[in-house]
Amino acid sequence: MMKGISARRIFVRHPELKSKLWGGHLWNPSTYIETIGHISEDTVRKYIEDQKKK
């Protein structure tokens, strides 16, 4: 819900962004859910870096 609302508000204020982003989508469609307590900081960093490559 947060992603949808924030995307709509950003696109209302900056419609030019829609043509520059992931086929008109502000947020990456994938999700990753895990509690930080069960994975290392390196794993979180690697996941974030891998998202930048897609």
N, C-alpha and C. Protein backbone atom coordinates (compact mmCIF):
# COMPACT_ATOMS: atom_id res chain seq x y z
N MET A 1 0.83 -1.19 0.00
CA MET A 1 0.00 0.00 0.00
C MET A 1 0.88 1.26 0.00
N MET A 2 1.93 1.23 0.82
CA MET A 2 2.82 2.39 0.89
C MET A 2 3.48 2.66 -0.47
N LYS A 3 3.89 1.59 -1.15
CA LYS A 3 4.54 1.76 -2.44
C LYS A 3 3.58 2.36 -3.46
N GLY A 4 2.35 1.92 -3.46
CA GLY A 4 1.36 2.42 -4.41
C GLY A 4 1.02 3.88 -4.19
N ILE A 5 0.79 4.23 -2.94
CA ILE A 5 0.44 5.62 -2.62
C ILE A 5 1.60 6.55 -2.93
N SER A 6 2.79 6.15 -2.52
CA SER A 6 3.94 7.04 -2.75
C SER A 6 4.22 7.19 -4.25
N ALA A 7 4.08 6.12 -5.02
CA ALA A 7 4.31 6.21 -6.47
C ALA A 7 3.31 7.16 -7.11
N ARG A 8 2.04 7.06 -6.76
CA ARG A 8 1.02 7.95 -7.32
C ARG A 8 1.33 9.41 -7.01
N ARG A 9 1.71 9.67 -5.77
CA ARG A 9 2.01 11.06 -5.38
C ARG A 9 3.23 11.60 -6.12
N ILE A 10 4.24 10.78 -6.25
CA ILE A 10 5.45 11.22 -6.97
C ILE A 10 5.13 11.48 -8.43
N PHE A 11 4.37 10.59 -9.08
CA PHE A 11 4.05 10.76 -10.50
C PHE A 11 3.13 11.95 -10.74
N VAL A 12 2.29 12.30 -9.78
CA VAL A 12 1.45 13.49 -9.92
C VAL A 12 2.34 14.73 -9.92
N ARG A 13 3.32 14.75 -9.06
CA ARG A 13 4.22 15.91 -8.95
C ARG A 13 5.28 15.93 -10.05
N HIS A 14 5.68 14.75 -10.51
CA HIS A 14 6.77 14.65 -11.50
C HIS A 14 6.39 13.63 -12.59
N PRO A 15 5.43 13.94 -13.44
CA PRO A 15 4.99 12.98 -14.46
C PRO A 15 6.09 12.56 -15.44
N GLU A 16 7.11 13.39 -15.59
CA GLU A 16 8.20 13.05 -16.51
C GLU A 16 8.98 11.82 -16.06
N LEU A 17 8.93 11.50 -14.79
CA LEU A 17 9.65 10.33 -14.28
C LEU A 17 9.10 9.02 -14.83
N LYS A 18 7.82 8.99 -15.09
CA LYS A 18 7.18 7.75 -15.54
C LYS A 18 7.82 7.20 -16.81
N SER A 19 8.28 8.09 -17.68
CA SER A 19 8.89 7.63 -18.93
C SER A 19 10.35 7.22 -18.76
N LYS A 20 10.93 7.50 -17.60
CA LYS A 20 12.34 7.21 -17.38
C LYS A 20 12.59 5.99 -16.48
N LEU A 21 11.54 5.43 -15.91
CA LEU A 21 11.70 4.36 -14.93
C LEU A 21 11.08 3.05 -15.37
N TRP A 22 11.80 1.96 -15.22
CA TRP A 22 11.34 0.57 -15.32
C TRP A 22 10.00 0.39 -16.02
N GLY A 23 9.88 0.88 -17.21
CA GLY A 23 8.62 0.73 -17.94
C GLY A 23 7.47 1.47 -17.28
N GLY A 24 7.75 2.58 -16.63
CA GLY A 24 6.70 3.38 -16.01
C GLY A 24 6.39 3.01 -14.57
N HIS A 25 7.18 2.10 -14.01
CA HIS A 25 6.95 1.67 -12.62
C HIS A 25 8.02 2.24 -11.71
N LEU A 26 7.58 2.81 -10.60
CA LEU A 26 8.53 3.40 -9.66
C LEU A 26 9.24 2.34 -8.83
N TRP A 27 8.51 1.32 -8.42
CA TRP A 27 9.06 0.30 -7.53
C TRP A 27 9.36 -0.98 -8.28
N ASN A 28 10.41 -1.64 -7.86
CA ASN A 28 10.76 -2.96 -8.37
C ASN A 28 9.67 -3.93 -7.93
N PRO A 29 9.18 -4.80 -8.82
CA PRO A 29 8.09 -5.69 -8.46
C PRO A 29 8.49 -6.82 -7.51
N SER A 30 9.76 -7.09 -7.34
CA SER A 30 10.16 -8.19 -6.47
C SER A 30 10.11 -7.77 -5.00
N THR A 31 10.04 -8.75 -4.16
CA THR A 31 10.05 -8.50 -2.73
C THR A 31 11.00 -9.48 -2.05
N TYR A 32 11.47 -9.12 -0.90
CA TYR A 32 12.34 -9.96 -0.10
C TYR A 32 11.96 -9.73 1.35
N ILE A 33 11.55 -10.77 2.01
CA ILE A 33 11.11 -10.63 3.39
C ILE A 33 11.93 -11.58 4.25
N GLU A 34 12.57 -11.02 5.24
CA GLU A 34 13.39 -11.80 6.17
C GLU A 34 13.65 -10.90 7.36
N THR A 35 13.70 -11.48 8.52
CA THR A 35 14.06 -10.66 9.67
C THR A 35 15.56 -10.51 9.71
N ILE A 36 16.01 -9.35 10.05
CA ILE A 36 17.44 -9.06 10.10
C ILE A 36 18.16 -9.96 11.09
N GLY A 37 17.47 -10.39 12.11
CA GLY A 37 18.10 -11.23 13.13
C GLY A 37 18.57 -12.58 12.60
N HIS A 38 18.06 -13.02 11.45
CA HIS A 38 18.39 -14.35 10.94
C HIS A 38 19.38 -14.33 9.78
N ILE A 39 19.76 -13.16 9.34
CA ILE A 39 20.72 -13.08 8.23
C ILE A 39 21.78 -12.04 8.56
N SER A 40 22.89 -12.17 7.89
CA SER A 40 23.99 -11.25 8.17
C SER A 40 23.80 -9.92 7.44
N GLU A 41 24.51 -8.93 7.92
CA GLU A 41 24.49 -7.63 7.26
C GLU A 41 25.03 -7.75 5.84
N ASP A 42 26.03 -8.61 5.64
CA ASP A 42 26.58 -8.82 4.29
C ASP A 42 25.53 -9.35 3.33
N THR A 43 24.66 -10.23 3.80
CA THR A 43 23.59 -10.76 2.96
C THR A 43 22.63 -9.67 2.55
N VAL A 44 22.28 -8.79 3.47
CA VAL A 44 21.39 -7.66 3.16
C VAL A 44 22.05 -6.74 2.15
N ARG A 45 23.32 -6.42 2.37
CA ARG A 45 24.04 -5.54 1.44
C ARG A 45 24.11 -6.16 0.04
N LYS A 46 24.40 -7.45 -0.05
CA LYS A 46 24.48 -8.13 -1.34
C LYS A 46 23.13 -8.07 -2.05
N TYR A 47 22.05 -8.30 -1.31
CA TYR A 47 20.72 -8.24 -1.91
C TYR A 47 20.45 -6.85 -2.49
N ILE A 48 20.76 -5.82 -1.73
CA ILE A 48 20.53 -4.45 -2.20
C ILE A 48 21.36 -4.16 -3.43
N GLU A 49 22.62 -4.54 -3.42
CA GLU A 49 23.48 -4.31 -4.58
C GLU A 49 22.98 -5.07 -5.80
N ASP A 50 22.50 -6.30 -5.61
CA ASP A 50 21.96 -7.09 -6.71
C ASP A 50 20.72 -6.44 -7.32
N GLN A 51 19.94 -5.75 -6.51
CA GLN A 51 18.74 -5.07 -7.01
C GLN A 51 19.11 -3.93 -7.94
N LYS A 52 20.23 -3.29 -7.72
CA LYS A 52 20.67 -2.19 -8.56
C LYS A 52 21.05 -2.67 -9.95
N LYS A 53 21.43 -3.95 -10.09
CA LYS A 53 21.86 -4.50 -11.37
C LYS A 53 20.69 -4.86 -12.26
N LYS A 54 19.51 -5.05 -11.70
CA LYS A 54 18.36 -5.52 -12.48
C LYS A 54 17.67 -4.43 -13.22
